[in-house]
Amino acid sequence: AAAAAMVLAELSAVADAEVRGPAVEGCVLNVSFLLHRREERRFHGVVERFATGHRDRVELLLTGPLPCYSFTEGRV
């Protein structure tokens, strides 16, 4: 849980917004991040540095870019 809080803080600093997703079996954290395309390389760099520096404790799975459905109101 401590590693999840750390990665969330680091990635949130790069993103414009974040939304927690539903619980996923075997995962401590499921989050969608909204960011400008110009920040995509920086975001990936943060993910890679964190994953490399904490590989003994965490495994990160990064998907996207995806449509921003998690950041809309109402049903899509």
N, C-alpha and C. Protein backbone atom coordinates (compact mmCIF):
# COMPACT_ATOMS: atom_id res chain seq x y z
N ALA A 1 0.83 -1.20 0.00
CA ALA A 1 0.00 0.00 0.00
C ALA A 1 0.86 1.26 0.00
N ALA A 2 2.01 1.20 0.66
CA ALA A 2 2.89 2.37 0.69
C ALA A 2 3.44 2.66 -0.70
N ALA A 3 3.81 1.62 -1.43
CA ALA A 3 4.32 1.82 -2.79
C ALA A 3 3.23 2.38 -3.69
N ALA A 4 1.99 1.96 -3.50
CA ALA A 4 0.87 2.47 -4.29
C ALA A 4 0.69 3.96 -4.04
N ALA A 5 0.78 4.37 -2.79
CA ALA A 5 0.66 5.80 -2.46
C ALA A 5 1.80 6.60 -3.08
N MET A 6 2.99 6.03 -3.09
CA MET A 6 4.14 6.73 -3.67
C MET A 6 3.98 6.91 -5.18
N VAL A 7 3.61 5.85 -5.88
CA VAL A 7 3.47 5.96 -7.33
C VAL A 7 2.30 6.87 -7.69
N LEU A 8 1.24 6.82 -6.92
CA LEU A 8 0.10 7.69 -7.17
C LEU A 8 0.51 9.16 -7.03
N ALA A 9 1.27 9.47 -6.00
CA ALA A 9 1.73 10.85 -5.81
C ALA A 9 2.63 11.30 -6.95
N GLU A 10 3.55 10.45 -7.37
CA GLU A 10 4.48 10.82 -8.45
C GLU A 10 3.76 11.01 -9.79
N LEU A 11 2.83 10.12 -10.11
CA LEU A 11 2.13 10.22 -11.38
C LEU A 11 1.09 11.34 -11.37
N SER A 12 0.47 11.58 -10.23
CA SER A 12 -0.50 12.66 -10.12
C SER A 12 0.14 14.02 -10.35
N ALA A 13 1.41 14.14 -10.01
CA ALA A 13 2.13 15.40 -10.20
C ALA A 13 2.29 15.73 -11.68
N VAL A 14 2.27 14.74 -12.55
CA VAL A 14 2.43 14.94 -13.99
C VAL A 14 1.07 15.07 -14.67
N ALA A 15 0.05 14.44 -14.13
CA ALA A 15 -1.28 14.40 -14.76
C ALA A 15 -2.12 15.61 -14.39
N ASP A 16 -3.11 15.89 -15.23
CA ASP A 16 -4.08 16.94 -14.94
C ASP A 16 -5.15 16.46 -13.98
N ALA A 17 -5.46 15.17 -14.03
CA ALA A 17 -6.48 14.59 -13.15
C ALA A 17 -6.26 13.09 -13.06
N GLU A 18 -6.83 12.50 -12.02
CA GLU A 18 -6.80 11.05 -11.90
C GLU A 18 -8.11 10.58 -11.30
N VAL A 19 -8.51 9.38 -11.68
CA VAL A 19 -9.74 8.77 -11.19
C VAL A 19 -9.42 7.33 -10.84
N ARG A 20 -9.81 6.93 -9.64
CA ARG A 20 -9.60 5.53 -9.25
C ARG A 20 -10.65 4.67 -9.92
N GLY A 21 -10.19 3.55 -10.45
CA GLY A 21 -11.08 2.61 -11.10
C GLY A 21 -11.58 1.57 -10.12
N PRO A 22 -12.39 0.65 -10.60
CA PRO A 22 -12.91 -0.41 -9.74
C PRO A 22 -11.78 -1.33 -9.27
N ALA A 23 -12.05 -2.00 -8.18
CA ALA A 23 -11.07 -2.96 -7.65
C ALA A 23 -10.81 -4.05 -8.68
N VAL A 24 -9.55 -4.43 -8.80
CA VAL A 24 -9.13 -5.49 -9.70
C VAL A 24 -8.41 -6.53 -8.86
N GLU A 25 -8.84 -7.78 -8.96
CA GLU A 25 -8.24 -8.84 -8.16
C GLU A 25 -6.73 -8.90 -8.41
N GLY A 26 -5.98 -8.91 -7.33
CA GLY A 26 -4.53 -9.00 -7.42
C GLY A 26 -3.83 -7.66 -7.56
N CYS A 27 -4.60 -6.58 -7.68
CA CYS A 27 -4.02 -5.23 -7.83
C CYS A 27 -4.28 -4.41 -6.57
N VAL A 28 -3.31 -3.62 -6.20
CA VAL A 28 -3.47 -2.73 -5.06
C VAL A 28 -4.08 -1.41 -5.51
N LEU A 29 -3.83 -1.03 -6.76
CA LEU A 29 -4.25 0.28 -7.25
C LEU A 29 -4.66 0.19 -8.71
N ASN A 30 -5.80 0.78 -9.05
CA ASN A 30 -6.29 0.86 -10.43
C ASN A 30 -6.69 2.31 -10.66
N VAL A 31 -5.89 3.03 -11.43
CA VAL A 31 -6.12 4.47 -11.60
C VAL A 31 -6.01 4.85 -13.07
N SER A 32 -6.89 5.75 -13.49
CA SER A 32 -6.79 6.37 -14.82
C SER A 32 -6.27 7.78 -14.63
N PHE A 33 -5.35 8.18 -15.50
CA PHE A 33 -4.76 9.51 -15.44
C PHE A 33 -5.10 10.26 -16.72
N LEU A 34 -5.43 11.52 -16.58
CA LEU A 34 -5.70 12.39 -17.71
C LEU A 34 -4.54 13.36 -17.85
N LEU A 35 -3.94 13.40 -19.05
CA LEU A 35 -2.83 14.31 -19.26
C LEU A 35 -2.79 14.76 -20.71
N HIS A 36 -2.14 15.88 -20.94
CA HIS A 36 -1.95 16.38 -22.30
C HIS A 36 -0.95 15.48 -23.03
N ARG A 37 -1.12 15.38 -24.32
CA ARG A 37 -0.17 14.58 -25.12
C ARG A 37 1.26 15.05 -24.92
N ARG A 38 1.45 16.34 -24.75
CA ARG A 38 2.82 16.85 -24.57
C ARG A 38 3.46 16.33 -23.29
N GLU A 39 2.68 15.82 -22.36
CA GLU A 39 3.20 15.28 -21.10
C GLU A 39 3.37 13.76 -21.15
N GLU A 40 2.99 13.15 -22.27
CA GLU A 40 3.01 11.69 -22.36
C GLU A 40 4.41 11.11 -22.15
N ARG A 41 5.40 11.68 -22.78
CA ARG A 41 6.77 11.17 -22.63
C ARG A 41 7.25 11.32 -21.18
N ARG A 42 6.95 12.46 -20.58
CA ARG A 42 7.34 12.68 -19.18
C ARG A 42 6.65 11.67 -18.26
N PHE A 43 5.36 11.44 -18.50
CA PHE A 43 4.59 10.49 -17.71
C PHE A 43 5.20 9.09 -17.82
N HIS A 44 5.49 8.66 -19.03
CA HIS A 44 6.12 7.35 -19.24
C HIS A 44 7.46 7.27 -18.53
N GLY A 45 8.21 8.36 -18.54
CA GLY A 45 9.50 8.39 -17.84
C GLY A 45 9.34 8.19 -16.35
N VAL A 46 8.33 8.83 -15.76
CA VAL A 46 8.08 8.66 -14.33
C VAL A 46 7.72 7.21 -14.04
N VAL A 47 6.87 6.62 -14.88
CA VAL A 47 6.48 5.21 -14.70
C VAL A 47 7.72 4.31 -14.77
N GLU A 48 8.55 4.51 -15.77
CA GLU A 48 9.74 3.67 -15.94
C GLU A 48 10.71 3.82 -14.77
N ARG A 49 10.95 5.06 -14.34
CA ARG A 49 11.86 5.27 -13.21
C ARG A 49 11.32 4.63 -11.94
N PHE A 50 10.03 4.79 -11.69
CA PHE A 50 9.44 4.20 -10.49
C PHE A 50 9.50 2.68 -10.56
N ALA A 51 9.13 2.11 -11.69
CA ALA A 51 9.14 0.65 -11.85
C ALA A 51 10.54 0.09 -11.68
N THR A 52 11.53 0.76 -12.24
CA THR A 52 12.91 0.30 -12.12
C THR A 52 13.41 0.41 -10.69
N GLY A 53 13.09 1.51 -10.05
CA GLY A 53 13.57 1.74 -8.69
C GLY A 53 12.88 0.92 -7.62
N HIS A 54 11.72 0.37 -7.95
CA HIS A 54 10.94 -0.39 -6.95
C HIS A 54 10.57 -1.78 -7.44
N ARG A 55 11.33 -2.31 -8.40
CA ARG A 55 10.95 -3.58 -9.01
C ARG A 55 10.89 -4.74 -8.02
N ASP A 56 11.56 -4.60 -6.88
CA ASP A 56 11.51 -5.65 -5.87
C ASP A 56 10.18 -5.66 -5.11
N ARG A 57 9.38 -4.57 -5.24
CA ARG A 57 8.13 -4.47 -4.49
C ARG A 57 6.89 -4.31 -5.34
N VAL A 58 7.04 -3.78 -6.56
CA VAL A 58 5.86 -3.48 -7.37
C VAL A 58 6.02 -3.94 -8.81
N GLU A 59 4.89 -4.14 -9.44
CA GLU A 59 4.84 -4.37 -10.88
C GLU A 59 3.81 -3.39 -11.43
N LEU A 60 4.21 -2.57 -12.36
CA LEU A 60 3.30 -1.58 -12.94
C LEU A 60 2.86 -2.03 -14.32
N LEU A 61 1.59 -1.83 -14.61
CA LEU A 61 1.04 -2.11 -15.93
C LEU A 61 0.49 -0.80 -16.47
N LEU A 62 1.01 -0.35 -17.57
CA LEU A 62 0.60 0.92 -18.17
C LEU A 62 -0.08 0.62 -19.50
N THR A 63 -1.30 1.11 -19.67
CA THR A 63 -2.01 0.97 -20.94
C THR A 63 -2.43 2.35 -21.42
N GLY A 64 -2.56 2.49 -22.70
CA GLY A 64 -3.02 3.77 -23.22
C GLY A 64 -2.05 4.34 -24.22
N PRO A 65 -2.40 5.42 -24.81
CA PRO A 65 -3.53 6.27 -24.42
C PRO A 65 -4.87 5.62 -24.76
N LEU A 66 -5.85 5.94 -23.94
CA LEU A 66 -7.20 5.43 -24.10
C LEU A 66 -8.17 6.60 -24.15
N PRO A 67 -9.39 6.40 -24.66
CA PRO A 67 -10.40 7.46 -24.60
C PRO A 67 -10.62 7.88 -23.14
N CYS A 68 -11.00 9.11 -22.95
CA CYS A 68 -11.08 9.64 -21.57
C CYS A 68 -12.45 9.42 -20.93
N TYR A 69 -13.05 8.27 -21.14
CA TYR A 69 -14.36 7.96 -20.58
C TYR A 69 -14.40 8.08 -19.06
N SER A 70 -13.32 7.78 -18.40
CA SER A 70 -13.28 7.83 -16.94
C SER A 70 -13.46 9.24 -16.41
N PHE A 71 -13.30 10.23 -17.28
CA PHE A 71 -13.35 11.62 -16.84
C PHE A 71 -14.60 12.35 -17.33
N THR A 72 -15.61 11.61 -17.77
CA THR A 72 -16.86 12.21 -18.20
C THR A 72 -17.94 11.90 -17.16
N GLU A 73 -18.97 12.73 -17.16
CA GLU A 73 -20.08 12.48 -16.25
C GLU A 73 -21.19 11.79 -17.03
N GLY A 74 -21.96 11.01 -16.33
CA GLY A 74 -23.06 10.31 -16.98
C GLY A 74 -22.61 9.00 -17.58
N ARG A 75 -23.50 8.39 -18.29
CA ARG A 75 -23.21 7.10 -18.91
C ARG A 75 -22.69 7.30 -20.32
N VAL A 76 -21.73 6.50 -20.68
CA VAL A 76 -21.17 6.57 -22.03
C VAL A 76 -21.44 5.27 -22.74
